[in-house]
C-alpha atoms as a PDB file:
ATOM      1  CA  MET A   1      -6.298  28.836  17.762  1.00  0.00           C
ATOM      2  CA  ILE A   2      -6.074  28.137  14.008  1.00  0.00           C
ATOM      3  CA  LYS A   3      -5.283  24.529  13.159  1.00  0.00           C
ATOM      4  CA  ASN A   4      -3.035  23.709  10.259  1.00  0.00           C
ATOM      5  CA  LYS A   5      -5.147  21.770   7.762  1.00  0.00           C
ATOM      6  CA  LEU A   6      -4.148  18.964   5.444  1.00  0.00           C
ATOM      7  CA  LEU A   7      -3.884  20.171   1.856  1.00  0.00           C
ATOM      8  CA  ARG A   8      -3.652  16.868  -0.046  1.00  0.00           C
ATOM      9  CA  MET A   9      -1.966  13.483  -0.156  1.00  0.00           C
ATOM     10  CA  ASP A  10       1.123  14.011  -2.294  1.00  0.00           C
ATOM     11  CA  ASN A  11       2.145  10.485  -3.322  1.00  0.00           C
ATOM     12  CA  VAL A  12       2.608   6.855  -2.345  1.00  0.00           C
ATOM     13  CA  GLY A  13       6.149   5.467  -2.569  1.00  0.00           C
ATOM     14  CA  ILE A  14       6.987   2.044  -3.988  1.00  0.00           C
ATOM     15  CA  VAL A  15      10.527   0.639  -4.054  1.00  0.00           C
ATOM     16  CA  VAL A  16      11.283  -1.468  -7.141  1.00  0.00           C
ATOM     17  CA  GLU A  17      14.213  -3.343  -8.674  1.00  0.00           C
ATOM     18  CA  SER A  18      13.592  -2.198 -12.257  1.00  0.00           C
ATOM     19  CA  LEU A  19      12.392   1.350 -12.706  1.00  0.00           C
ATOM     20  CA  ASP A  20      11.871   0.867 -16.451  1.00  0.00           C
ATOM     21  CA  ASP A  21       9.687  -2.231 -15.974  1.00  0.00           C
ATOM     22  CA  ALA A  22       7.644  -0.530 -13.240  1.00  0.00           C
ATOM     23  CA  ILE A  23       7.127   2.583 -15.373  1.00  0.00           C
ATOM     24  CA  SER A  24       5.925   0.456 -18.318  1.00  0.00           C
ATOM     25  CA  PHE A  25       3.568  -1.522 -16.073  1.00  0.00           C
ATOM     26  CA  PHE A  26       1.970   1.543 -14.481  1.00  0.00           C
ATOM     27  CA  GLU A  27       1.707   3.236 -17.896  1.00  0.00           C
ATOM     28  CA  GLU A  28      -0.259   0.167 -19.036  1.00  0.00           C
ATOM     29  CA  ILE A  29      -2.641   0.724 -16.111  1.00  0.00           C
ATOM     30  CA  GLY A  30      -3.060   4.316 -17.301  1.00  0.00           C
ATOM     31  CA  LEU A  31      -0.684   6.437 -15.229  1.00  0.00           C
ATOM     32  CA  ASN A  32       1.586   8.933 -16.976  1.00  0.00           C
ATOM     33  CA  LEU A  33       5.264   9.522 -16.307  1.00  0.00           C
ATOM     34  CA  GLU A  34       5.461  13.011 -14.823  1.00  0.00           C
ATOM     35  CA  GLY A  35       9.208  13.066 -14.238  1.00  0.00           C
ATOM     36  CA  ARG A  36      12.315  11.041 -13.591  1.00  0.00           C
ATOM     37  CA  ALA A  37      15.442  11.994 -11.648  1.00  0.00           C
ATOM     38  CA  THR A  38      18.296  10.793  -9.475  1.00  0.00           C
ATOM     39  CA  VAL A  39      18.261  11.971  -5.882  1.00  0.00           C
ATOM     40  CA  GLU A  40      21.508  11.586  -3.997  1.00  0.00           C
ATOM     41  CA  GLY A  41      23.627  12.854  -1.187  1.00  0.00           C
ATOM     42  CA  GLU A  42      23.667  13.290   2.536  1.00  0.00           C
ATOM     43  CA  TRP A  43      20.808  15.827   2.506  1.00  0.00           C
ATOM     44  CA  ALA A  44      18.410  13.220   1.048  1.00  0.00           C
ATOM     45  CA  GLY A  45      19.548  10.662   3.601  1.00  0.00           C
ATOM     46  CA  ARG A  46      18.653  13.063   6.392  1.00  0.00           C
ATOM     47  CA  VAL A  47      15.019  12.856   5.285  1.00  0.00           C
ATOM     48  CA  THR A  48      14.931   9.055   5.015  1.00  0.00           C
ATOM     49  CA  GLY A  49      17.293   8.309   7.896  1.00  0.00           C
ATOM     50  CA  LEU A  50      19.522   6.223   5.612  1.00  0.00           C
ATOM     51  CA  GLY A  51      22.566   8.502   5.577  1.00  0.00           C
ATOM     52  CA  SER A  52      24.120   9.183   2.195  1.00  0.00           C
ATOM     53  CA  GLN A  53      21.973   7.641  -0.537  1.00  0.00           C
ATOM     54  CA  CYS A  54      21.520   7.486  -4.283  1.00  0.00           C
ATOM     55  CA  VAL A  55      18.026   6.732  -5.581  1.00  0.00           C
ATOM     56  CA  GLU A  56      16.541   6.825  -9.061  1.00  0.00           C
ATOM     57  CA  ILE A  57      12.929   7.976  -8.873  1.00  0.00           C
ATOM     58  CA  ALA A  58      10.048   8.242 -11.298  1.00  0.00           C
ATOM     59  CA  LEU A  59       6.855  10.117 -10.503  1.00  0.00           C
ATOM     60  CA  MET A  60       3.725   8.629 -12.077  1.00  0.00           C
ATOM     61  CA  VAL A  61       0.453  10.582 -12.114  1.00  0.00           C
ATOM     62  CA  THR A  62      -3.142   9.431 -12.615  1.00  0.00           C
ATOM     63  CA  PRO A  63      -5.044  10.853 -15.614  1.00  0.00           C
ATOM     64  CA  ASP A  64      -7.059  13.185 -13.356  1.00  0.00           C
ATOM     65  CA  GLY A  65      -3.829  14.673 -11.959  1.00  0.00           C
ATOM     66  CA  HIS A  66      -4.868  14.068  -8.341  1.00  0.00           C
ATOM     67  CA  SER A  67      -2.838  10.991  -7.356  1.00  0.00           C
ATOM     68  CA  ARG A  68       0.803  10.058  -7.757  1.00  0.00           C
ATOM     69  CA  LEU A  69       3.107   7.093  -7.253  1.00  0.00           C
ATOM     70  CA  GLU A  70       6.776   7.689  -6.580  1.00  0.00           C
ATOM     71  CA  LEU A  71       8.693   4.686  -7.883  1.00  0.00           C
ATOM     72  CA  SER A  72      12.178   4.397  -6.359  1.00  0.00           C
ATOM     73  CA  ARG A  73      15.179   2.232  -7.213  1.00  0.00           C
ATOM     74  CA  PHE A  74      17.849   2.424  -4.514  1.00  0.00           C
ATOM     75  CA  LEU A  75      21.416   2.277  -5.817  1.00  0.00           C
ATOM     76  CA  THR A  76      22.906   2.991  -2.367  1.00  0.00           C
ATOM     77  CA  PRO A  77      22.288   1.831   0.219  1.00  0.00           C
ATOM     78  CA  PRO A  78      20.937  -1.461  -1.136  1.00  0.00           C
ATOM     79  CA  THR A  79      17.446  -2.632  -0.221  1.00  0.00           C
ATOM     80  CA  ILE A  80      17.387  -4.758   2.916  1.00  0.00           C
ATOM     81  CA  SER A  81      14.035  -6.559   2.913  1.00  0.00           C
ATOM     82  CA  ASP A  82      11.345  -7.651   0.511  1.00  0.00           C
ATOM     83  CA  HIS A  83       7.624  -7.410   1.311  1.00  0.00           C
ATOM     84  CA  ARG A  84       6.331  -8.003  -2.201  1.00  0.00           C
ATOM     85  CA  THR A  85       4.949 -11.471  -1.548  1.00  0.00           C
ATOM     86  CA  ALA A  86       3.307 -10.608   1.780  1.00  0.00           C
ATOM     87  CA  PRO A  87      -0.349 -11.686   1.939  1.00  0.00           C
ATOM     88  CA  VAL A  88      -3.110  -9.092   2.038  1.00  0.00           C
ATOM     89  CA  ASN A  89      -3.543  -9.388   5.825  1.00  0.00           C
ATOM     90  CA  SER A  90       0.079  -8.386   6.610  1.00  0.00           C
ATOM     91  CA  LEU A  91       0.743  -5.317   8.741  1.00  0.00           C
ATOM     92  CA  GLY A  92       1.894  -2.092   7.087  1.00  0.00           C
ATOM     93  CA  TYR A  93       1.433  -0.571   3.664  1.00  0.00           C
ATOM     94  CA  LEU A  94       0.330  -3.236   1.289  1.00  0.00           C
ATOM     95  CA  ARG A  95      -1.374  -2.253  -1.921  1.00  0.00           C
ATOM     96  CA  VAL A  96      -2.491   0.545  -4.190  1.00  0.00           C
ATOM     97  CA  MET A  97      -5.984   0.398  -5.699  1.00  0.00           C
ATOM     98  CA  PHE A  98      -7.039   1.935  -8.993  1.00  0.00           C
ATOM     99  CA  THR A  99     -10.538   2.444 -10.387  1.00  0.00           C
ATOM    100  CA  VAL A 100     -10.672   1.254 -13.986  1.00  0.00           C
ATOM    101  CA  GLN A 101     -13.316   1.416 -16.690  1.00  0.00           C
ATOM    102  CA  ASP A 102     -13.352  -2.308 -17.563  1.00  0.00           C
ATOM    103  CA  ILE A 103     -11.772  -4.638 -15.009  1.00  0.00           C
ATOM    104  CA  ASP A 104     -11.795  -7.738 -17.255  1.00  0.00           C
ATOM    105  CA  GLU A 105     -10.044  -5.901 -20.077  1.00  0.00           C
ATOM    106  CA  MET A 106      -7.481  -4.420 -17.658  1.00  0.00           C
ATOM    107  CA  VAL A 107      -6.686  -7.806 -16.084  1.00  0.00           C
ATOM    108  CA  SER A 108      -6.284  -9.275 -19.570  1.00  0.00           C
ATOM    109  CA  ARG A 109      -3.876  -6.495 -20.604  1.00  0.00           C
ATOM    110  CA  LEU A 110      -1.836  -6.699 -17.398  1.00  0.00           C
ATOM    111  CA  THR A 111      -1.368 -10.470 -17.657  1.00  0.00           C
ATOM    112  CA  LYS A 112       0.732  -9.717 -20.751  1.00  0.00           C
ATOM    113  CA  TYR A 113       3.103  -7.946 -18.304  1.00  0.00           C
ATOM    114  CA  GLY A 114       3.229 -11.013 -16.074  1.00  0.00           C
ATOM    115  CA  ALA A 115       0.459  -9.972 -13.677  1.00  0.00           C
ATOM    116  CA  LEU A 116      -1.375 -12.774 -11.889  1.00  0.00           C
ATOM    117  CA  LEU A 117      -4.892 -12.652 -10.470  1.00  0.00           C
ATOM    118  CA  VAL A 118      -4.623 -13.237  -6.688  1.00  0.00           C
ATOM    119  CA  GLY A 119      -8.091 -14.703  -6.168  1.00  0.00           C
ATOM    120  CA  GLU A 120     -10.878 -13.882  -8.565  1.00  0.00           C
ATOM    121  CA  VAL A 121     -12.834 -10.887  -9.806  1.00  0.00           C
ATOM    122  CA  VAL A 122     -15.798 -10.500  -7.448  1.00  0.00           C
ATOM    123  CA  GLN A 123     -18.858  -8.287  -7.411  1.00  0.00           C
ATOM    124  CA  TYR A 124     -19.774  -6.276  -4.322  1.00  0.00           C
ATOM    125  CA  GLU A 125     -23.548  -5.784  -4.335  1.00  0.00           C
ATOM    126  CA  ASP A 126     -24.602  -3.589  -7.299  1.00  0.00           C
ATOM    127  CA  SER A 127     -21.768  -1.182  -6.699  1.00  0.00           C
ATOM    128  CA  HIS A 128     -18.332  -2.512  -7.750  1.00  0.00           C
ATOM    129  CA  ARG A 129     -16.377  -5.381  -9.260  1.00  0.00           C
ATOM    130  CA  LEU A 130     -13.037  -5.845  -7.491  1.00  0.00           C
ATOM    131  CA  CYS A 131      -9.865  -7.901  -7.639  1.00  0.00           C
ATOM    132  CA  TYR A 132      -6.253  -8.009  -6.558  1.00  0.00           C
ATOM    133  CA  ILE A 133      -3.406  -8.809  -8.905  1.00  0.00           C
ATOM    134  CA  ARG A 134       0.294  -9.401  -8.362  1.00  0.00           C
ATOM    135  CA  GLY A 135       1.827  -7.046 -10.886  1.00  0.00           C
ATOM    136  CA  VAL A 136       5.377  -6.268 -11.952  1.00  0.00           C
ATOM    137  CA  GLU A 137       7.892  -7.454  -9.337  1.00  0.00           C
ATOM    138  CA  GLY A 138       5.070  -9.082  -7.367  1.00  0.00           C
ATOM    139  CA  LEU A 139       3.527  -5.760  -6.286  1.00  0.00           C
ATOM    140  CA  LEU A 140      -0.020  -6.111  -4.968  1.00  0.00           C
ATOM    141  CA  ILE A 141      -2.416  -3.940  -6.994  1.00  0.00           C
ATOM    142  CA  GLY A 142      -6.149  -3.571  -6.410  1.00  0.00           C
ATOM    143  CA  LEU A 143      -8.514  -2.917  -9.301  1.00  0.00           C
ATOM    144  CA  ALA A 144     -12.086  -1.666  -8.963  1.00  0.00           C
ATOM    145  CA  GLU A 145     -14.766  -1.150 -11.590  1.00  0.00           C
ATOM    146  CA  GLN A 146     -17.689   0.992 -10.537  1.00  0.00           C
ATOM    147  CA  LEU A 147     -21.022  -0.404 -11.724  1.00  0.00           C
ATOM    148  CA  GLY A 148     -24.120   1.515 -12.734  1.00  0.00           C
ATOM    149  CA  ASN A 149     -23.524   5.278 -12.871  1.00  0.00           C
ATOM    150  CA  LYS A 150     -19.940   5.405 -14.129  1.00  0.00           C
END
């Protein structure tokens, strides 16, 4: 019997209040806007289980072209809960982590967009420097800088 194999992870979805602010923030991290559209109607609601819906989406892609974020702003139905301030040990999807060239420089740049360092930048052995920030709309973002052979 031939098993169906996984081809790739397509994207991670993040629901936001301001699509424009989220796009600007993730562009500052280094992602590129791949496309923007409005998705609406009963057919889309059949996928999500929400019934008829209207959602503005923006697809952001990493510079290597391998990873994507789908940013969504729901017009209808309205959002019903907010997990943005949940601590790191909460159940469910929680954060997205990006590898950056210079973590200190990136944190400095993102603070201009209102990002706050959650704890501190720490070093894990001789391998990585890591931190979490609360970015635009309080989204939890992980940053990692690989040390040594970059």
